Amino acid sequence: MTATDDVELDLLEQCRAGDRSAFRALVAFWGDPALRLASTFTNDDQRARAALGEAFLDCWRRLPSLHSETRFRPFFFGLVSRAALAHGSAGGTGRLERSLDMLEPDARAAAILSGHAHMETSEIARALGTSTIKAALSARAAMRSLQASLGFKPQEALNAAFGDAHLDRKYFDKVIAPELEDQWLLEVRRIVQRPPHDAWGVLIDPTAIPAWISAARAHVRGGGSLHPGGHIAARGRIADQRSSHDESIITIVEPPVLLGWTTRSRITPFHAPIEFRWSVSISEAPGGSELHHRLRGVAFPHGSVGSFLRMTYERVSGSMQASMHRGLERLASLIEARPV
């Protein structure tokens, strides 16, 4: 993992918690290569930009339920590919465009992801939601078909397609930001008779955390302060029912209104965790403050372990809202009991 990978992982965690500034940075980083990819599918700037906007909004909605082990580039380029395919064929009169139009949609996607985006077979499989073997066969057959139609190897033509496509600096503000919605799976609310500053003080107090998150032996690394990137290790219970070894990573700290975090819960004997994206926001209310405790997404690892963990979670998910309510009630009690 490189320093660039670390920065992207931090951005993704912040996006999963609902941080729009982090999503702006993600759009700025991936916008140009994604536009070039969409343009290769559509051969039309307007349709490519429309598809790209749809892909970014779909990405924003899906990120809270995307497991951290998922590589972002195949995931996102898969969204771009599906959105671009939905906007029609490549069209145009060029040899490459006509040759691409002769392919079935999945084969066209495999060829473009391989030749233009230089994705490995395993990445193409992830992007298209298929098996590695099927992706390999599809990409190979598509490339052979393109070569037969063009009369030369298609890699160079695909690689050079739309190399000068760029988004303008106001793209996020004009296209993406107005359509972003703050979404979550579950929410519980509670009004407390204390001002937001007092509520915030208890929310981020490391000594109060074990009392309201139903965890034993919780501790905060790094001098007892909560900051983005800070970790909280604990033994907890999913929905107050299933024992787990938890590690929470703080993603957003916006005093005195918003705290966001991801909890990675490991159920014995599995090492791969279930990931829960949480936030608590504080707003002013008549006579005090209103607390909003939200479950933004639940993510499972890939493969058979992930399928088993998903079934395990579904058995207790019906108790999740009640568990969140009890936790918020404990937090509210701590806030209201705080000395004036």
Protein backbone atom coordinates (compact mmCIF):
# COMPACT_ATOMS: atom_id res chain seq x y z
CA MET A 1 0.00 0.00 0.00
CA THR A 2 1.34 3.43 -0.93
CA ALA A 3 0.85 6.88 0.58
CA THR A 4 -1.63 7.58 -2.22
CA ASP A 5 -3.60 4.47 -1.24
CA ASP A 6 -3.73 5.69 2.36
CA VAL A 7 -5.08 9.08 1.29
CA GLU A 8 -7.77 7.44 -0.85
CA LEU A 9 -8.77 5.07 1.96
CA ASP A 10 -9.16 8.05 4.31
CA LEU A 11 -11.26 9.87 1.70
CA LEU A 12 -13.47 6.84 1.19
CA GLU A 13 -14.07 6.45 4.93
CA GLN A 14 -15.05 10.11 5.15
CA CYS A 15 -17.35 9.79 2.14
CA ARG A 16 -19.00 6.74 3.71
CA ALA A 17 -19.76 8.85 6.75
CA GLY A 18 -21.43 11.51 4.61
CA ASP A 19 -18.59 14.04 4.21
CA ARG A 20 -19.33 15.99 1.03
CA SER A 21 -15.98 17.77 1.05
CA ALA A 22 -14.25 14.39 0.90
CA PHE A 23 -16.52 13.36 -1.97
CA ARG A 24 -15.61 16.55 -3.81
CA ALA A 25 -11.93 15.52 -3.56
CA LEU A 26 -12.79 12.03 -4.80
CA VAL A 27 -14.67 13.46 -7.79
CA ALA A 28 -11.74 15.77 -8.57
CA PHE A 29 -9.31 12.82 -8.54
CA TRP A 30 -11.36 10.32 -10.56
CA GLY A 31 -13.38 12.70 -12.75
CA ASP A 32 -11.10 12.94 -15.79
CA PRO A 33 -10.23 9.22 -16.20
CA ALA A 34 -13.87 8.31 -15.62
CA LEU A 35 -15.02 10.84 -18.24
CA ARG A 36 -12.57 9.39 -20.76
CA LEU A 37 -13.92 5.92 -19.99
CA ALA A 38 -17.54 7.02 -20.43
CA SER A 39 -16.66 8.83 -23.66
CA THR A 40 -15.11 5.67 -25.08
CA PHE A 41 -18.44 3.90 -24.52
CA THR A 42 -20.71 6.66 -25.88
CA ASN A 43 -18.52 8.58 -28.37
CA ASP A 44 -20.55 11.62 -27.33
CA ASP A 45 -19.48 14.24 -24.80
CA GLN A 46 -22.98 15.09 -23.60
CA ARG A 47 -24.03 11.49 -23.06
CA ALA A 48 -20.68 10.69 -21.43
CA ARG A 49 -21.09 13.53 -18.92
CA ALA A 50 -24.66 12.48 -18.17
CA ALA A 51 -23.52 8.90 -17.55
CA LEU A 52 -20.65 10.10 -15.38
CA GLY A 53 -23.01 12.16 -13.23
CA GLU A 54 -25.26 9.14 -12.73
CA ALA A 55 -22.26 7.00 -11.80
CA PHE A 56 -20.99 9.48 -9.21
CA LEU A 57 -24.42 9.78 -7.58
CA ASP A 58 -24.80 5.99 -7.55
CA CYS A 59 -21.34 5.79 -5.99
CA TRP A 60 -22.34 8.24 -3.23
CA ARG A 61 -25.41 6.15 -2.40
CA ARG A 62 -23.53 2.82 -2.39
CA LEU A 63 -20.36 3.82 -0.52
CA PRO A 64 -21.75 3.37 3.04
CA SER A 65 -22.49 -0.29 2.22
CA LEU A 66 -19.20 -0.89 0.38
CA HIS A 67 -16.72 -2.97 2.37
CA SER A 68 -13.31 -1.41 2.95
CA GLU A 69 -11.59 -4.43 1.35
CA THR A 70 -13.26 -3.56 -1.97
CA ARG A 71 -10.89 -1.86 -4.40
CA PHE A 72 -12.45 1.42 -5.43
CA ARG A 73 -11.29 1.67 -9.04
CA PRO A 74 -12.98 -1.55 -10.30
CA PHE A 75 -16.09 -0.74 -8.27
CA PHE A 76 -16.40 2.80 -9.64
CA PHE A 77 -15.43 1.99 -13.22
CA GLY A 78 -18.09 -0.71 -13.13
CA LEU A 79 -20.67 1.95 -12.24
CA VAL A 80 -19.40 4.20 -15.03
CA SER A 81 -19.52 1.34 -17.54
CA ARG A 82 -23.09 0.36 -16.68
CA ALA A 83 -24.27 3.99 -16.78
CA ALA A 84 -22.54 4.58 -20.13
CA LEU A 85 -23.96 1.39 -21.67
CA ALA A 86 -27.43 2.51 -20.62
CA HIS A 87 -26.95 5.66 -22.72
CA GLY A 88 -26.69 3.68 -25.95
CA SER A 89 -24.09 2.48 -28.40
CA ALA A 90 -20.84 4.20 -29.26
CA GLY A 91 -22.24 5.50 -32.52
CA GLY A 92 -20.04 7.50 -34.85
CA THR A 93 -18.49 6.58 -38.16
CA GLY A 94 -14.94 5.74 -37.06
CA ARG A 95 -13.65 2.21 -37.47
CA LEU A 96 -13.20 1.73 -33.73
CA GLU A 97 -16.71 2.99 -32.91
CA ARG A 98 -18.31 0.79 -35.56
CA SER A 99 -16.32 -2.22 -34.35
CA LEU A 100 -17.35 -1.62 -30.73
CA ASP A 101 -20.99 -1.37 -31.79
CA MET A 102 -20.77 -4.88 -33.23
CA LEU A 103 -20.05 -6.32 -29.76
CA GLU A 104 -22.59 -7.34 -27.14
CA PRO A 105 -22.75 -4.89 -24.19
CA ASP A 106 -20.83 -7.11 -21.75
CA ALA A 107 -18.16 -7.86 -24.34
CA ARG A 108 -17.87 -4.16 -25.20
CA ALA A 109 -17.43 -3.34 -21.53
CA ALA A 110 -14.78 -6.03 -21.09
CA ALA A 111 -12.86 -4.79 -24.14
CA ILE A 112 -12.93 -1.14 -23.07
CA LEU A 113 -12.01 -1.88 -19.46
CA SER A 114 -9.13 -4.03 -20.66
CA GLY A 115 -7.82 -1.95 -23.56
CA HIS A 116 -8.64 1.57 -22.39
CA ALA A 117 -8.58 1.35 -18.59
CA HIS A 118 -5.83 -1.33 -18.52
CA MET A 119 -7.68 -3.35 -15.90
CA GLU A 120 -6.62 -6.86 -14.94
CA THR A 121 -9.03 -9.75 -15.43
CA SER A 122 -9.87 -9.91 -11.72
CA GLU A 123 -10.67 -6.18 -11.76
CA ILE A 124 -12.89 -6.53 -14.83
CA ALA A 125 -14.72 -9.36 -13.10
CA ARG A 126 -15.28 -7.15 -10.04
CA ALA A 127 -16.41 -4.23 -12.19
CA LEU A 128 -18.90 -6.31 -14.18
CA GLY A 129 -20.05 -8.49 -11.27
CA THR A 130 -19.02 -11.76 -12.89
CA SER A 131 -16.49 -14.54 -12.41
CA THR A 132 -12.82 -14.14 -13.28
CA ILE A 133 -13.01 -16.95 -15.83
CA LYS A 134 -16.04 -15.45 -17.56
CA ALA A 135 -14.43 -11.99 -17.61
CA ALA A 136 -11.21 -13.42 -19.09
CA LEU A 137 -13.08 -15.28 -21.84
CA SER A 138 -15.25 -12.27 -22.63
CA ALA A 139 -12.30 -9.86 -22.84
CA ARG A 140 -10.26 -12.24 -25.00
CA ALA A 141 -13.12 -12.91 -27.41
CA ALA A 142 -13.94 -9.18 -27.62
CA MET A 143 -10.34 -8.25 -28.40
CA ARG A 144 -10.13 -10.91 -31.11
CA SER A 145 -13.37 -9.67 -32.64
CA LEU A 146 -12.09 -6.08 -32.62
CA GLN A 147 -8.80 -7.12 -34.21
CA ALA A 148 -10.62 -9.00 -36.97
CA SER A 149 -12.85 -5.99 -37.63
CA LEU A 150 -10.12 -3.34 -37.46
CA GLY A 151 -7.37 -5.29 -39.17
CA PHE A 152 -4.89 -4.43 -36.41
CA LYS A 153 -4.54 -4.89 -32.64
CA PRO A 154 -7.11 -2.68 -30.88
CA GLN A 155 -5.14 -1.92 -27.69
CA GLU A 156 -3.47 1.19 -29.09
CA ALA A 157 -6.70 2.63 -30.47
CA LEU A 158 -8.59 1.99 -27.24
CA ASN A 159 -5.75 3.39 -25.15
CA ALA A 160 -5.65 6.64 -27.14
CA ALA A 161 -9.44 7.16 -27.21
CA PHE A 162 -10.58 10.48 -25.72
CA GLY A 163 -7.26 11.21 -24.04
CA ASP A 164 -8.04 14.93 -23.87
CA ALA A 165 -11.42 14.74 -22.11
CA HIS A 166 -11.51 16.85 -18.94
CA LEU A 167 -14.06 18.07 -16.40
CA ASP A 168 -14.18 21.76 -15.58
CA ARG A 169 -13.48 22.92 -12.04
CA LYS A 170 -17.11 23.76 -11.33
CA TYR A 171 -18.41 20.31 -12.32
CA PHE A 172 -18.96 19.15 -8.75
CA ASP A 173 -20.79 22.32 -7.66
CA LYS A 174 -22.96 22.51 -10.76
CA VAL A 175 -23.74 18.84 -11.43
CA ILE A 176 -23.07 16.64 -8.41
CA ALA A 177 -23.61 18.76 -5.27
CA PRO A 178 -27.26 19.76 -6.02
CA GLU A 179 -28.23 16.08 -6.36
CA LEU A 180 -26.49 14.69 -3.26
CA GLU A 181 -28.82 13.46 -0.55
CA ASP A 182 -27.98 12.52 3.02
CA GLN A 183 -29.14 8.91 3.30
CA TRP A 184 -29.14 6.32 6.06
CA LEU A 185 -30.66 2.94 6.89
CA LEU A 186 -31.92 3.67 10.40
CA GLU A 187 -32.28 6.76 12.56
CA VAL A 188 -33.31 7.32 16.17
CA ARG A 189 -33.78 10.76 17.74
CA ARG A 190 -33.82 12.16 21.24
CA ILE A 191 -34.23 15.71 22.58
CA VAL A 192 -32.13 16.65 25.62
CA GLN A 193 -32.56 19.69 27.82
CA ARG A 194 -28.99 20.86 27.38
CA PRO A 195 -27.35 23.11 24.76
CA PRO A 196 -25.44 21.57 21.82
CA HIS A 197 -22.06 22.40 23.33
CA ASP A 198 -22.84 20.34 26.47
CA ALA A 199 -24.17 17.44 24.37
CA TRP A 200 -21.03 17.50 22.23
CA GLY A 201 -18.80 17.47 25.30
CA VAL A 202 -20.31 14.20 26.53
CA LEU A 203 -20.49 12.64 23.05
CA ILE A 204 -16.72 12.90 22.56
CA ASP A 205 -15.74 12.19 26.19
CA PRO A 206 -13.67 8.94 26.06
CA THR A 207 -14.81 8.01 29.56
CA ALA A 208 -18.46 8.12 28.44
CA ILE A 209 -18.06 5.96 25.33
CA PRO A 210 -18.34 2.52 27.01
CA ALA A 211 -21.53 3.58 28.78
CA TRP A 212 -23.53 4.43 25.69
CA ILE A 213 -22.15 2.07 23.03
CA SER A 214 -22.73 -1.10 25.10
CA ALA A 215 -19.05 -2.01 24.99
CA ALA A 216 -16.72 -3.37 27.63
CA ARG A 217 -13.03 -2.52 27.95
CA ALA A 218 -13.27 0.32 25.43
CA HIS A 219 -10.29 2.63 25.17
CA VAL A 220 -9.19 5.45 22.89
CA ARG A 221 -5.70 5.32 21.46
CA GLY A 222 -3.59 8.43 21.27
CA GLY A 223 -3.90 10.42 24.47
CA GLY A 224 -7.61 9.98 25.04
CA SER A 225 -8.80 12.40 22.35
CA LEU A 226 -11.18 11.70 19.49
CA HIS A 227 -9.85 12.81 16.11
CA PRO A 228 -10.26 11.65 12.49
CA GLY A 229 -8.26 8.45 12.16
CA GLY A 230 -8.43 7.72 15.90
CA HIS A 231 -9.26 4.16 16.98
CA ILE A 232 -11.49 2.77 19.71
CA ALA A 233 -11.05 -0.91 20.57
CA ALA A 234 -13.76 -2.73 22.50
CA ARG A 235 -15.71 -5.89 23.10
CA GLY A 236 -19.29 -5.26 22.07
CA ARG A 237 -22.54 -6.87 20.98
CA ILE A 238 -24.20 -6.49 17.59
CA ALA A 239 -27.78 -5.30 18.20
CA ASP A 240 -27.15 -6.14 21.89
CA GLN A 241 -27.33 -9.82 20.90
CA ARG A 242 -24.26 -11.17 19.09
CA SER A 243 -20.85 -10.85 20.79
CA SER A 244 -18.11 -9.28 18.70
CA HIS A 245 -14.62 -7.83 18.88
CA ASP A 246 -14.98 -4.25 17.70
CA GLU A 247 -12.63 -1.62 16.38
CA SER A 248 -14.07 1.78 15.55
CA ILE A 249 -12.27 4.30 13.34
CA ILE A 250 -13.27 7.94 13.73
CA THR A 251 -14.04 9.43 10.29
CA ILE A 252 -15.59 12.85 10.92
CA VAL A 253 -15.27 15.26 13.83
CA GLU A 254 -17.16 18.52 13.25
CA PRO A 255 -17.63 20.21 16.63
CA PRO A 256 -20.18 20.76 17.96
CA VAL A 257 -22.55 19.10 15.46
CA LEU A 258 -21.32 15.82 13.94
CA LEU A 259 -19.30 12.75 14.89
CA GLY A 260 -18.97 9.90 12.37
CA TRP A 261 -17.24 6.55 12.65
CA THR A 262 -16.93 3.06 11.19
CA THR A 263 -17.12 0.04 13.49
CA ARG A 264 -15.49 -3.16 12.26
CA SER A 265 -17.08 -6.03 14.18
CA ARG A 266 -15.40 -9.43 14.12
CA ILE A 267 -17.39 -12.48 15.10
CA THR A 268 -15.37 -15.50 16.21
CA PRO A 269 -13.90 -17.46 14.43
CA PHE A 270 -13.89 -15.11 11.40
CA HIS A 271 -11.24 -12.47 10.96
CA ALA A 272 -13.02 -10.55 8.19
CA PRO A 273 -15.32 -7.98 9.82
CA ILE A 274 -18.83 -6.71 9.31
CA GLU A 275 -18.55 -2.93 8.93
CA PHE A 276 -21.10 -0.52 10.38
CA ARG A 277 -21.11 3.18 9.40
CA TRP A 278 -22.49 5.38 12.14
CA SER A 279 -22.97 9.04 12.94
CA VAL A 280 -24.40 11.15 15.72
CA SER A 281 -25.41 14.69 14.81
CA ILE A 282 -26.53 17.42 17.19
CA SER A 283 -28.93 20.22 16.26
CA GLU A 284 -30.55 22.99 18.24
CA ALA A 285 -34.07 22.35 19.51
CA PRO A 286 -36.50 24.35 21.67
CA GLY A 287 -35.11 24.29 25.19
CA GLY A 288 -32.03 22.24 24.33
CA SER A 289 -30.67 19.97 21.60
CA GLU A 290 -31.81 17.11 19.39
CA LEU A 291 -29.59 14.07 18.90
CA HIS A 292 -29.77 12.08 15.65
CA HIS A 293 -28.15 8.64 15.82
CA ARG A 294 -27.88 7.15 12.32
CA LEU A 295 -26.81 3.84 10.84
CA ARG A 296 -25.57 4.89 7.40
CA GLY A 297 -24.68 1.48 6.02
CA VAL A 298 -23.69 -2.12 6.75
CA ALA A 299 -20.96 -3.74 4.63
CA PHE A 300 -19.90 -7.37 4.37
CA PRO A 301 -16.66 -8.90 3.07
CA HIS A 302 -16.62 -10.76 -0.24
CA GLY A 303 -16.92 -14.49 -0.73
CA SER A 304 -18.47 -17.27 1.32
CA VAL A 305 -17.47 -15.70 4.64
CA GLY A 306 -19.30 -12.54 3.67
CA SER A 307 -22.42 -14.52 2.72
CA PHE A 308 -22.39 -16.31 6.08
CA LEU A 309 -21.88 -13.06 7.99
CA ARG A 310 -24.72 -11.44 6.08
CA MET A 311 -27.07 -14.27 7.09
CA THR A 312 -25.83 -14.02 10.69
CA TYR A 313 -26.50 -10.29 10.74
CA GLU A 314 -29.95 -10.66 9.19
CA ARG A 315 -30.95 -12.83 12.16
CA VAL A 316 -30.34 -9.95 14.58
CA SER A 317 -30.92 -6.91 12.33
CA GLY A 318 -34.51 -6.60 13.52
CA SER A 319 -33.18 -5.62 16.95
CA MET A 320 -30.81 -2.96 15.60
CA GLN A 321 -33.16 0.00 15.93
CA ALA A 322 -34.09 -0.91 19.51
CA SER A 323 -30.40 -1.27 20.35
CA MET A 324 -29.66 2.16 18.83
CA HIS A 325 -32.52 3.63 20.85
CA ARG A 326 -31.16 2.20 24.10
CA GLY A 327 -27.70 3.54 23.33
CA LEU A 328 -29.07 7.00 22.60
CA GLU A 329 -31.09 6.95 25.81
CA ARG A 330 -27.92 6.19 27.79
CA LEU A 331 -26.10 9.02 26.00
CA ALA A 332 -28.97 11.40 26.73
CA SER A 333 -28.90 10.42 30.41
CA LEU A 334 -25.19 11.20 30.61
CA ILE A 335 -25.73 14.57 28.96
CA GLU A 336 -28.57 15.57 31.24
CA ALA A 337 -26.67 14.38 34.32
CA ARG A 338 -23.61 16.46 33.44
CA PRO A 339 -22.95 19.20 36.02
CA VAL A 340 -24.02 22.65 34.87
